[in-house]
Amino acid sequence: MLPLIDAERAWAYAMQLKSEANTEPRKRFHMISRLRKAVQHASTLDRLCNDSGLFDARTKLDVEVGGTFC
């Protein structure tokens, strides 16, 4: 559950920074680092889903397709 929350939080913050990047150019670099962090958390979630037998097929498919990251 934590990798999912962390990934969504990093992505949401990056989207906020994207809207603010028009006025402050430095925020673009911070946005890119938050997107990288979101990808790291999403990869961790994907690895957890595929390696453990704790998740059902629907959850695995949702993680594989990308869920909120599509």
N, C-alpha and C. Protein backbone atom coordinates (compact mmCIF):
# COMPACT_ATOMS: atom_id res chain seq x y z
N MET A 1 0.81 -1.18 0.00
CA MET A 1 0.00 0.00 0.00
C MET A 1 0.87 1.27 0.00
N LEU A 2 1.97 1.23 0.71
CA LEU A 2 2.82 2.42 0.78
C LEU A 2 3.42 2.82 -0.57
N PRO A 3 3.93 1.88 -1.38
CA PRO A 3 4.44 2.32 -2.69
C PRO A 3 3.37 2.97 -3.56
N LEU A 4 2.15 2.50 -3.46
CA LEU A 4 1.06 3.10 -4.23
C LEU A 4 0.80 4.54 -3.78
N ILE A 5 0.71 4.74 -2.48
CA ILE A 5 0.46 6.08 -1.95
C ILE A 5 1.62 7.01 -2.27
N ASP A 6 2.85 6.52 -2.12
CA ASP A 6 4.02 7.34 -2.42
C ASP A 6 4.09 7.71 -3.90
N ALA A 7 3.77 6.77 -4.77
CA ALA A 7 3.79 7.04 -6.21
C ALA A 7 2.74 8.09 -6.58
N GLU A 8 1.54 7.94 -6.04
CA GLU A 8 0.49 8.91 -6.35
C GLU A 8 0.80 10.28 -5.77
N ARG A 9 1.40 10.31 -4.59
CA ARG A 9 1.74 11.59 -3.98
C ARG A 9 2.80 12.32 -4.79
N ALA A 10 3.84 11.58 -5.21
CA ALA A 10 4.91 12.18 -6.02
C ALA A 10 4.36 12.67 -7.36
N TRP A 11 3.48 11.89 -7.97
CA TRP A 11 2.90 12.29 -9.25
C TRP A 11 2.03 13.54 -9.09
N ALA A 12 1.22 13.58 -8.04
CA ALA A 12 0.35 14.73 -7.82
C ALA A 12 1.16 15.99 -7.57
N TYR A 13 2.23 15.86 -6.81
CA TYR A 13 3.07 17.03 -6.54
C TYR A 13 3.75 17.50 -7.82
N ALA A 14 4.16 16.55 -8.67
CA ALA A 14 4.77 16.91 -9.95
C ALA A 14 3.77 17.66 -10.83
N MET A 15 2.50 17.27 -10.80
CA MET A 15 1.49 17.96 -11.59
C MET A 15 1.25 19.38 -11.06
N GLN A 16 1.33 19.54 -9.75
CA GLN A 16 1.21 20.87 -9.17
C GLN A 16 2.39 21.74 -9.60
N LEU A 17 3.59 21.17 -9.58
CA LEU A 17 4.77 21.91 -10.00
C LEU A 17 4.72 22.24 -11.49
N LYS A 18 4.10 21.37 -12.27
CA LYS A 18 3.97 21.63 -13.71
C LYS A 18 3.15 22.89 -13.96
N SER A 19 2.11 23.07 -13.20
CA SER A 19 1.28 24.27 -13.39
C SER A 19 2.00 25.53 -12.90
N GLU A 20 2.90 25.37 -11.94
CA GLU A 20 3.65 26.52 -11.42
C GLU A 20 4.92 26.79 -12.21
N ALA A 21 5.31 25.88 -13.07
CA ALA A 21 6.58 26.01 -13.80
C ALA A 21 6.55 27.13 -14.83
N ASN A 22 5.39 27.61 -15.20
CA ASN A 22 5.31 28.71 -16.18
C ASN A 22 5.90 30.00 -15.61
N THR A 23 5.72 30.21 -14.33
CA THR A 23 6.20 31.46 -13.72
C THR A 23 7.60 31.31 -13.11
N GLU A 24 7.94 30.10 -12.69
CA GLU A 24 9.24 29.87 -12.07
C GLU A 24 9.94 28.71 -12.76
N PRO A 25 10.95 28.97 -13.58
CA PRO A 25 11.59 27.92 -14.38
C PRO A 25 12.27 26.83 -13.54
N ARG A 26 12.72 27.16 -12.35
CA ARG A 26 13.42 26.17 -11.53
C ARG A 26 12.49 25.02 -11.10
N LYS A 27 11.21 25.28 -11.04
CA LYS A 27 10.25 24.25 -10.62
C LYS A 27 10.17 23.11 -11.63
N ARG A 28 10.56 23.37 -12.87
CA ARG A 28 10.56 22.31 -13.88
C ARG A 28 11.53 21.20 -13.51
N PHE A 29 12.69 21.56 -13.00
CA PHE A 29 13.68 20.56 -12.59
C PHE A 29 13.20 19.76 -11.38
N HIS A 30 12.55 20.44 -10.47
CA HIS A 30 11.99 19.74 -9.31
C HIS A 30 10.86 18.81 -9.74
N MET A 31 10.06 19.24 -10.72
CA MET A 31 8.98 18.42 -11.25
C MET A 31 9.54 17.12 -11.84
N ILE A 32 10.62 17.24 -12.60
CA ILE A 32 11.23 16.05 -13.22
C ILE A 32 11.72 15.08 -12.15
N SER A 33 12.31 15.60 -11.08
CA SER A 33 12.79 14.70 -10.02
C SER A 33 11.63 14.02 -9.31
N ARG A 34 10.50 14.71 -9.14
CA ARG A 34 9.33 14.09 -8.51
C ARG A 34 8.74 13.02 -9.42
N LEU A 35 8.77 13.24 -10.73
CA LEU A 35 8.29 12.21 -11.66
C LEU A 35 9.19 10.98 -11.62
N ARG A 36 10.49 11.20 -11.51
CA ARG A 36 11.41 10.05 -11.37
C ARG A 36 11.09 9.25 -10.11
N LYS A 37 10.82 9.97 -9.03
CA LYS A 37 10.49 9.31 -7.77
C LYS A 37 9.19 8.52 -7.90
N ALA A 38 8.22 9.07 -8.63
CA ALA A 38 6.96 8.37 -8.84
C ALA A 38 7.19 7.08 -9.61
N VAL A 39 8.08 7.12 -10.60
CA VAL A 39 8.39 5.92 -11.38
C VAL A 39 9.07 4.88 -10.50
N GLN A 40 9.95 5.30 -9.62
CA GLN A 40 10.62 4.37 -8.71
C GLN A 40 9.60 3.67 -7.81
N HIS A 41 8.67 4.43 -7.26
CA HIS A 41 7.65 3.84 -6.39
C HIS A 41 6.72 2.92 -7.17
N ALA A 42 6.38 3.30 -8.39
CA ALA A 42 5.52 2.45 -9.22
C ALA A 42 6.24 1.15 -9.59
N SER A 43 7.54 1.23 -9.84
CA SER A 43 8.31 0.02 -10.14
C SER A 43 8.38 -0.90 -8.93
N THR A 44 8.52 -0.32 -7.76
CA THR A 44 8.52 -1.11 -6.53
C THR A 44 7.19 -1.81 -6.34
N LEU A 45 6.10 -1.09 -6.59
CA LEU A 45 4.78 -1.69 -6.47
C LEU A 45 4.60 -2.83 -7.47
N ASP A 46 5.07 -2.63 -8.69
CA ASP A 46 4.98 -3.67 -9.71
C ASP A 46 5.76 -4.92 -9.30
N ARG A 47 6.96 -4.70 -8.79
CA ARG A 47 7.78 -5.83 -8.34
C ARG A 47 7.12 -6.57 -7.19
N LEU A 48 6.53 -5.84 -6.25
CA LEU A 48 5.84 -6.47 -5.12
C LEU A 48 4.64 -7.30 -5.59
N CYS A 49 3.90 -6.77 -6.54
CA CYS A 49 2.72 -7.48 -7.03
C CYS A 49 3.09 -8.76 -7.76
N ASN A 50 4.17 -8.69 -8.54
CA ASN A 50 4.54 -9.86 -9.34
C ASN A 50 5.29 -10.92 -8.54
N ASP A 51 6.03 -10.52 -7.52
CA ASP A 51 6.85 -11.47 -6.78
C ASP A 51 6.09 -12.17 -5.66
N SER A 52 5.09 -11.54 -5.11
CA SER A 52 4.37 -12.17 -4.00
C SER A 52 3.04 -12.72 -4.50
N GLY A 53 2.53 -13.67 -3.79
CA GLY A 53 1.24 -14.26 -4.14
C GLY A 53 0.10 -13.64 -3.37
N LEU A 54 0.28 -12.44 -2.86
CA LEU A 54 -0.72 -11.80 -2.02
C LEU A 54 -1.77 -11.02 -2.81
N PHE A 55 -1.54 -10.81 -4.09
CA PHE A 55 -2.44 -9.97 -4.88
C PHE A 55 -3.22 -10.81 -5.87
N ASP A 56 -4.48 -10.42 -6.09
CA ASP A 56 -5.31 -11.14 -7.05
C ASP A 56 -4.99 -10.67 -8.48
N ALA A 57 -5.57 -11.34 -9.45
CA ALA A 57 -5.27 -11.07 -10.86
C ALA A 57 -5.69 -9.66 -11.27
N ARG A 58 -6.80 -9.19 -10.73
CA ARG A 58 -7.28 -7.84 -11.09
C ARG A 58 -6.30 -6.77 -10.61
N THR A 59 -5.78 -6.93 -9.40
CA THR A 59 -4.82 -5.96 -8.87
C THR A 59 -3.54 -5.98 -9.68
N LYS A 60 -3.06 -7.17 -10.02
CA LYS A 60 -1.85 -7.28 -10.83
C LYS A 60 -2.04 -6.61 -12.18
N LEU A 61 -3.20 -6.81 -12.79
CA LEU A 61 -3.48 -6.19 -14.09
C LEU A 61 -3.54 -4.68 -13.97
N ASP A 62 -4.15 -4.19 -12.91
CA ASP A 62 -4.25 -2.74 -12.71
C ASP A 62 -2.88 -2.12 -12.54
N VAL A 63 -1.98 -2.78 -11.84
CA VAL A 63 -0.62 -2.29 -11.66
C VAL A 63 0.14 -2.37 -12.96
N GLU A 64 -0.05 -3.45 -13.70
CA GLU A 64 0.66 -3.64 -14.97
C GLU A 64 0.25 -2.62 -16.00
N VAL A 65 -1.03 -2.33 -16.09
CA VAL A 65 -1.54 -1.38 -17.08
C VAL A 65 -1.14 0.04 -16.69
N GLY A 66 -1.04 0.31 -15.44
CA GLY A 66 -0.60 1.62 -15.01
C GLY A 66 -1.56 2.33 -14.10
N GLY A 67 -2.78 1.86 -13.99
CA GLY A 67 -3.74 2.47 -13.08
C GLY A 67 -3.86 3.96 -13.31
N THR A 68 -3.39 4.74 -12.35
CA THR A 68 -3.54 6.20 -12.43
C THR A 68 -2.47 6.83 -13.32
N PHE A 69 -1.47 6.08 -13.73
CA PHE A 69 -0.39 6.67 -14.49
C PHE A 69 -0.64 6.63 -16.00
N CYS A 70 -1.77 6.12 -16.43
CA CYS A 70 -2.07 6.08 -17.87
C CYS A 70 -2.46 7.43 -18.38
